[in-house]
Amino acid sequence: QVHLEESGGGWVQTGGSLRVSCAASGHTASTNIRGWFRQAPEKEREFVAAISEDGDRTFYGESVTGRFTISKDNAKNTVYLQMNDLIPEDTAVYYCGVKFGMDVKGARSYSDWGRGTQVTVSS
């Protein structure tokens, strides 16, 4: 099992930036993908971005491409999501998950999740 802890959420105005972090511990050798998803009230969990555990490959959802950047600090075993040009539609709880395999956009295929961090963008 992998323990994930998100941090860095908060409140920002439209056009602002935030960076959220996902620190991992436990049996991380059993996974090869770490992903970010978000979930707004009464909506399904939506794929945001993912990165391979070696940091070489990145993937983005259509709604965030060009605005968000995912990166990984291997020494800290922490994945970051830099979010720029935020808009109210980005408001959601952001969750970090891990999996083994390359189907990065399917939330159900992730084996472990963090508790999430709230991101709120005001207009």
C-alpha atoms as a PDB file:
ATOM      1  CA  GLN A   1       0.000   0.000   0.000  1.00  0.00           C
ATOM      2  CA  VAL A   2       1.113   3.559  -0.762  1.00  0.00           C
ATOM      3  CA  HIS A   3       0.373   6.480   1.530  1.00  0.00           C
ATOM      4  CA  LEU A   4      -0.209   9.778  -0.269  1.00  0.00           C
ATOM      5  CA  GLU A   5      -0.501  13.203   1.275  1.00  0.00           C
ATOM      6  CA  GLU A   6      -1.563  16.270  -0.679  1.00  0.00           C
ATOM      7  CA  SER A   7      -0.830  19.823   0.380  1.00  0.00           C
ATOM      8  CA  GLY A   8      -0.767  23.339  -0.992  1.00  0.00           C
ATOM      9  CA  GLY A   9      -4.367  23.999  -1.889  1.00  0.00           C
ATOM     10  CA  GLY A  10      -6.072  27.257  -1.081  1.00  0.00           C
ATOM     11  CA  TRP A  11      -7.960  30.234  -2.418  1.00  0.00           C
ATOM     12  CA  VAL A  12      -6.921  32.390  -5.350  1.00  0.00           C
ATOM     13  CA  GLN A  13      -8.491  34.909  -7.691  1.00  0.00           C
ATOM     14  CA  THR A  14      -9.021  34.276 -11.403  1.00  0.00           C
ATOM     15  CA  GLY A  15      -5.728  34.443 -13.242  1.00  0.00           C
ATOM     16  CA  GLY A  16      -3.717  33.505 -10.175  1.00  0.00           C
ATOM     17  CA  SER A  17      -1.448  30.544  -9.507  1.00  0.00           C
ATOM     18  CA  LEU A  18      -1.160  27.756  -6.963  1.00  0.00           C
ATOM     19  CA  ARG A  19       1.100  24.764  -6.522  1.00  0.00           C
ATOM     20  CA  VAL A  20      -0.124  21.559  -4.933  1.00  0.00           C
ATOM     21  CA  SER A  21       2.129  18.759  -3.781  1.00  0.00           C
ATOM     22  CA  CYS A  22       1.758  15.012  -3.374  1.00  0.00           C
ATOM     23  CA  ALA A  23       4.218  13.225  -1.116  1.00  0.00           C
ATOM     24  CA  ALA A  24       4.343   9.423  -1.251  1.00  0.00           C
ATOM     25  CA  SER A  25       5.540   6.793   1.190  1.00  0.00           C
ATOM     26  CA  GLY A  26       5.182   3.056   1.536  1.00  0.00           C
ATOM     27  CA  HIS A  27       5.347   0.492  -1.236  1.00  0.00           C
ATOM     28  CA  THR A  28       5.892   2.965  -4.097  1.00  0.00           C
ATOM     29  CA  ALA A  29       8.006   0.467  -6.070  1.00  0.00           C
ATOM     30  CA  SER A  30       4.764  -1.288  -7.032  1.00  0.00           C
ATOM     31  CA  THR A  31       3.540   1.749  -8.991  1.00  0.00           C
ATOM     32  CA  ASN A  32       4.722   3.541 -12.137  1.00  0.00           C
ATOM     33  CA  ILE A  33       2.266   6.406 -12.469  1.00  0.00           C
ATOM     34  CA  ARG A  34       1.253   9.210 -10.131  1.00  0.00           C
ATOM     35  CA  GLY A  35      -1.731  11.239 -11.194  1.00  0.00           C
ATOM     36  CA  TRP A  36      -3.772  14.252 -10.208  1.00  0.00           C
ATOM     37  CA  PHE A  37      -7.537  14.228 -10.446  1.00  0.00           C
ATOM     38  CA  ARG A  38     -10.096  16.745  -9.302  1.00  0.00           C
ATOM     39  CA  GLN A  39     -13.681  16.508  -8.212  1.00  0.00           C
ATOM     40  CA  ALA A  40     -16.166  19.343  -7.943  1.00  0.00           C
ATOM     41  CA  PRO A  41     -19.457  18.951  -6.041  1.00  0.00           C
ATOM     42  CA  GLU A  42     -21.889  16.606  -7.794  1.00  0.00           C
ATOM     43  CA  LYS A  43     -19.395  15.895 -10.596  1.00  0.00           C
ATOM     44  CA  GLU A  44     -17.305  12.863 -11.425  1.00  0.00           C
ATOM     45  CA  ARG A  45     -13.625  12.708 -10.658  1.00  0.00           C
ATOM     46  CA  GLU A  46     -11.801  14.282 -13.613  1.00  0.00           C
ATOM     47  CA  PHE A  47      -8.298  13.516 -14.846  1.00  0.00           C
ATOM     48  CA  VAL A  48      -5.952  16.504 -14.589  1.00  0.00           C
ATOM     49  CA  ALA A  49      -2.376  15.307 -15.103  1.00  0.00           C
ATOM     50  CA  ALA A  50      -0.064  12.362 -14.548  1.00  0.00           C
ATOM     51  CA  ILE A  51       3.636  11.629 -14.510  1.00  0.00           C
ATOM     52  CA  SER A  52       5.675   8.465 -14.680  1.00  0.00           C
ATOM     53  CA  GLU A  53       7.546   7.630 -11.490  1.00  0.00           C
ATOM     54  CA  ASP A  54      10.858   8.212 -13.249  1.00  0.00           C
ATOM     55  CA  GLY A  55       9.609  11.645 -14.288  1.00  0.00           C
ATOM     56  CA  ASP A  56      10.230  11.059 -17.973  1.00  0.00           C
ATOM     57  CA  ARG A  57       6.642  11.044 -19.242  1.00  0.00           C
ATOM     58  CA  THR A  58       3.849  13.502 -18.530  1.00  0.00           C
ATOM     59  CA  PHE A  59       0.174  13.512 -19.460  1.00  0.00           C
ATOM     60  CA  TYR A  60      -2.450  16.264 -19.262  1.00  0.00           C
ATOM     61  CA  GLY A  61      -6.182  16.604 -19.451  1.00  0.00           C
ATOM     62  CA  GLU A  62      -7.535  18.806 -22.225  1.00  0.00           C
ATOM     63  CA  SER A  63      -8.938  21.463 -19.900  1.00  0.00           C
ATOM     64  CA  VAL A  64      -5.578  22.155 -18.243  1.00  0.00           C
ATOM     65  CA  THR A  65      -3.097  21.725 -21.100  1.00  0.00           C
ATOM     66  CA  GLY A  66      -0.936  24.807 -21.402  1.00  0.00           C
ATOM     67  CA  ARG A  67      -1.878  26.101 -17.929  1.00  0.00           C
ATOM     68  CA  PHE A  68      -0.824  23.314 -15.549  1.00  0.00           C
ATOM     69  CA  THR A  69       2.561  21.615 -15.260  1.00  0.00           C
ATOM     70  CA  ILE A  70       3.281  18.377 -13.427  1.00  0.00           C
ATOM     71  CA  SER A  71       6.762  17.594 -12.172  1.00  0.00           C
ATOM     72  CA  LYS A  72       8.530  15.247  -9.760  1.00  0.00           C
ATOM     73  CA  ASP A  73      11.305  15.585  -7.228  1.00  0.00           C
ATOM     74  CA  ASN A  74      12.717  12.068  -7.026  1.00  0.00           C
ATOM     75  CA  ALA A  75      14.822  12.802  -3.947  1.00  0.00           C
ATOM     76  CA  LYS A  76      11.708  13.829  -2.002  1.00  0.00           C
ATOM     77  CA  ASN A  77       9.403  11.347  -3.766  1.00  0.00           C
ATOM     78  CA  THR A  78       7.031  14.262  -4.236  1.00  0.00           C
ATOM     79  CA  VAL A  79       4.994  15.234  -7.281  1.00  0.00           C
ATOM     80  CA  TYR A  80       4.007  18.851  -7.864  1.00  0.00           C
ATOM     81  CA  LEU A  81       1.197  20.370  -9.888  1.00  0.00           C
ATOM     82  CA  GLN A  82       1.864  23.977 -10.805  1.00  0.00           C
ATOM     83  CA  MET A  83      -1.409  25.631 -11.748  1.00  0.00           C
ATOM     84  CA  ASN A  84      -1.327  28.937 -13.616  1.00  0.00           C
ATOM     85  CA  ASP A  85      -4.036  31.117 -15.171  1.00  0.00           C
ATOM     86  CA  LEU A  86      -6.595  29.616 -12.840  1.00  0.00           C
ATOM     87  CA  ILE A  87     -10.287  30.052 -13.604  1.00  0.00           C
ATOM     88  CA  PRO A  88     -13.385  29.405 -11.464  1.00  0.00           C
ATOM     89  CA  GLU A  89     -13.978  26.131 -13.327  1.00  0.00           C
ATOM     90  CA  ASP A  90     -10.771  24.821 -11.751  1.00  0.00           C
ATOM     91  CA  THR A  91     -12.409  24.941  -8.318  1.00  0.00           C
ATOM     92  CA  ALA A  92     -12.462  21.417  -6.893  1.00  0.00           C
ATOM     93  CA  VAL A  93     -10.872  19.042  -4.437  1.00  0.00           C
ATOM     94  CA  TYR A  94      -7.622  17.863  -5.986  1.00  0.00           C
ATOM     95  CA  TYR A  95      -6.638  14.251  -5.343  1.00  0.00           C
ATOM     96  CA  CYS A  96      -3.371  12.447  -5.912  1.00  0.00           C
ATOM     97  CA  GLY A  97      -3.399   8.785  -6.875  1.00  0.00           C
ATOM     98  CA  VAL A  98      -0.944   6.061  -7.860  1.00  0.00           C
ATOM     99  CA  LYS A  99      -1.211   3.043 -10.126  1.00  0.00           C
ATOM    100  CA  PHE A 100       0.692   0.526 -12.149  1.00  0.00           C
ATOM    101  CA  GLY A 101       0.009   0.642 -15.891  1.00  0.00           C
ATOM    102  CA  MET A 102      -0.336   3.263 -18.628  1.00  0.00           C
ATOM    103  CA  ASP A 103      -4.092   3.921 -18.681  1.00  0.00           C
ATOM    104  CA  VAL A 104      -3.528   7.193 -16.839  1.00  0.00           C
ATOM    105  CA  LYS A 105      -6.941   8.838 -17.366  1.00  0.00           C
ATOM    106  CA  GLY A 106      -9.148   6.244 -15.712  1.00  0.00           C
ATOM    107  CA  ALA A 107      -9.673   7.041 -12.034  1.00  0.00           C
ATOM    108  CA  ARG A 108     -10.908   3.528 -11.263  1.00  0.00           C
ATOM    109  CA  SER A 109      -7.569   2.032 -12.259  1.00  0.00           C
ATOM    110  CA  TYR A 110      -5.690   3.859  -9.496  1.00  0.00           C
ATOM    111  CA  SER A 111      -4.946   1.752  -6.444  1.00  0.00           C
ATOM    112  CA  ASP A 112      -4.308   4.334  -3.716  1.00  0.00           C
ATOM    113  CA  TRP A 113      -5.458   7.886  -3.123  1.00  0.00           C
ATOM    114  CA  GLY A 114      -4.712  10.756  -0.836  1.00  0.00           C
ATOM    115  CA  ARG A 115      -7.406  12.646   1.071  1.00  0.00           C
ATOM    116  CA  GLY A 116      -7.347  15.609  -1.286  1.00  0.00           C
ATOM    117  CA  THR A 117      -6.727  19.330  -1.023  1.00  0.00           C
ATOM    118  CA  GLN A 118      -9.263  22.053  -1.774  1.00  0.00           C
ATOM    119  CA  VAL A 119      -8.557  24.581  -4.522  1.00  0.00           C
ATOM    120  CA  THR A 120     -10.944  27.513  -4.825  1.00  0.00           C
ATOM    121  CA  VAL A 121     -10.767  30.092  -7.613  1.00  0.00           C
ATOM    122  CA  SER A 122     -12.957  33.161  -7.257  1.00  0.00           C
ATOM    123  CA  SER A 123     -14.138  35.327 -10.133  1.00  0.00           C
END
